[in-house]
Protein backbone atom coordinates (compact mmCIF):
# COMPACT_ATOMS: atom_id res chain seq x y z
CA MET A 1 0.03 0.22 -0.22
CA SER A 2 1.28 2.84 -0.56
CA ILE A 3 0.56 6.86 0.55
CA THR A 4 0.38 9.61 -2.03
CA ALA A 5 -0.05 13.34 -0.65
CA ILE A 6 -1.70 15.56 -1.94
CA ALA A 7 -0.77 19.43 -1.43
CA THR A 8 -3.36 22.06 -1.71
CA VAL A 9 -2.13 25.08 -4.01
CA THR A 10 -3.30 28.63 -2.77
CA PRO A 11 -2.85 32.27 -4.91
CA THR A 12 -0.73 33.31 -2.36
CA ALA A 13 1.14 30.07 -1.22
CA GLY A 14 5.21 31.55 -0.62
CA ARG A 15 4.22 35.49 -1.36
CA ARG A 16 4.93 37.76 1.80
CA ARG A 17 1.95 39.57 2.59
CA ARG A 18 2.46 43.51 1.85
CA PRO A 19 1.21 46.50 4.42
CA GLU A 20 -1.45 48.28 2.57
CA SER A 21 0.43 51.37 2.07
CA PRO A 22 4.35 51.73 1.61
CA ASP A 23 3.03 54.74 3.95
CA ASP A 24 1.70 53.01 6.23
CA LEU A 25 4.80 50.63 6.47
CA LEU A 26 7.11 53.56 6.91
CA ALA A 27 5.24 54.79 9.79
CA ARG A 28 6.03 51.18 11.32
CA TYR A 29 9.76 51.25 10.54
CA ARG A 30 9.30 54.27 12.05
CA ALA A 31 8.11 54.02 14.81
CA SER A 32 9.80 50.67 15.71
CA GLY A 33 13.28 51.49 16.41
CA LEU A 34 14.76 48.74 14.61
CA THR A 35 17.35 48.88 12.05
CA GLN A 36 16.03 48.33 8.76
CA ARG A 37 16.84 45.08 8.56
CA ALA A 38 15.64 44.39 11.74
CA PHE A 39 12.13 45.30 10.92
CA CYS A 40 12.16 43.89 7.46
CA GLU A 41 13.01 40.59 8.62
CA ARG A 42 9.82 40.66 11.32
CA VAL A 43 7.55 42.09 8.89
CA GLY A 44 8.61 40.27 5.69
CA VAL A 45 9.56 43.07 3.39
CA PRO A 46 13.10 42.80 1.54
CA LEU A 47 15.11 45.46 2.54
CA SER A 48 15.36 46.92 -0.99
CA THR A 49 11.66 47.51 -1.27
CA LEU A 50 11.63 48.91 2.72
CA GLN A 51 15.18 51.22 1.11
CA TRP A 52 13.05 51.99 -1.78
CA TRP A 53 9.68 53.39 -0.29
CA LEU A 54 12.62 55.25 2.31
CA ALA A 55 14.61 56.63 -0.91
CA ARG A 56 11.50 58.19 -2.78
CA ALA A 57 9.31 59.71 0.31
CA ARG A 58 12.95 61.62 0.82
CA ARG A 59 12.57 62.73 -2.37
CA GLN A 60 8.53 63.84 -2.11
CA ALA A 61 9.57 65.68 1.17
CA ARG A 62 12.75 67.55 -0.94
CA ALA A 63 10.05 68.94 -3.98
CA ALA A 64 7.33 68.97 -1.25
CA ARG A 65 9.38 72.30 0.54
CA ALA A 66 7.33 75.32 0.64
CA VAL A 67 9.29 78.18 -1.32
CA THR A 68 9.59 81.00 1.62
CA PHE A 69 10.29 84.43 0.90
CA THR A 70 11.85 86.81 3.88
CA GLU A 71 11.67 90.64 4.08
CA VAL A 72 14.37 91.82 5.00
CA PRO A 73 14.74 96.09 6.56
CA LEU A 74 17.29 98.24 3.86
CA PRO A 75 17.63 101.46 4.07
CA LEU A 76 15.61 104.03 2.18
CA ALA A 77 17.34 104.76 -0.77
CA PRO A 78 16.16 107.76 -2.93
CA ALA A 79 14.12 107.46 -5.71
CA ALA A 80 15.22 106.52 -8.99
CA SER A 81 14.06 108.68 -12.14
CA ALA A 82 14.56 105.73 -14.65
CA PRO A 83 12.51 102.55 -15.03
CA SER A 84 15.75 100.83 -15.67
CA TRP A 85 17.70 98.77 -13.04
CA ALA A 86 20.74 99.74 -11.53
CA VAL A 87 22.09 97.31 -10.57
CA GLU A 88 21.71 93.49 -11.35
CA VAL A 89 22.72 89.91 -9.52
CA VAL A 90 22.63 86.65 -10.36
CA THR A 91 23.40 84.47 -7.79
CA THR A 92 24.77 81.09 -7.92
CA THR A 93 21.40 79.43 -6.80
CA GLY A 94 19.62 81.28 -9.85
CA VAL A 95 18.21 83.94 -7.91
CA THR A 96 17.78 87.63 -9.68
CA VAL A 97 18.04 90.74 -7.21
CA ARG A 98 17.28 94.02 -9.56
CA LEU A 99 17.62 97.10 -8.00
CA ARG A 100 16.12 100.46 -9.34
CA ALA A 101 19.08 102.40 -7.35
CA PRO A 102 22.93 101.89 -6.68
CA LEU A 103 22.19 100.63 -3.45
CA HIS A 104 25.08 101.19 -0.58
CA PRO A 105 27.73 97.38 -0.67
CA ALA A 106 26.30 96.20 3.23
CA ALA A 107 22.89 97.27 2.43
CA LEU A 108 23.38 94.65 -0.53
CA ARG A 109 25.17 91.87 1.80
CA THR A 110 22.44 92.02 4.29
CA LEU A 111 20.12 91.78 1.62
CA LEU A 112 21.63 88.62 -0.29
CA ARG A 113 22.25 87.39 2.73
CA GLY A 114 18.46 87.82 4.91
CA GLY A 115 17.25 86.45 1.81
CA GLY A 116 19.24 82.91 2.11
CA CYS A 117 20.73 83.86 -1.18
């Protein structure tokens, strides 16, 4: 008499269960206090997947940063009679500052430093 074993294969056999969303997984990882490797072993997610989701979250956070403007008080300059620019400064970060009248160098330095240029 021989015994025959029959294996039942389900559609999810051999697959790891994934969280509902990458954001849920990242929140659980950050709250866990575990290393990336230990967390991945615990929840059954490949380390490369967690690292890819973390990198994507960092890229999205950088892209979402709002542009801020800072008001910088400057000494009053006499009103210019002509609408042309007396001074134009383009910083290495791509910021363009145009002045209708010349500005004292100390005031220009304050403007550029205060504006995050």
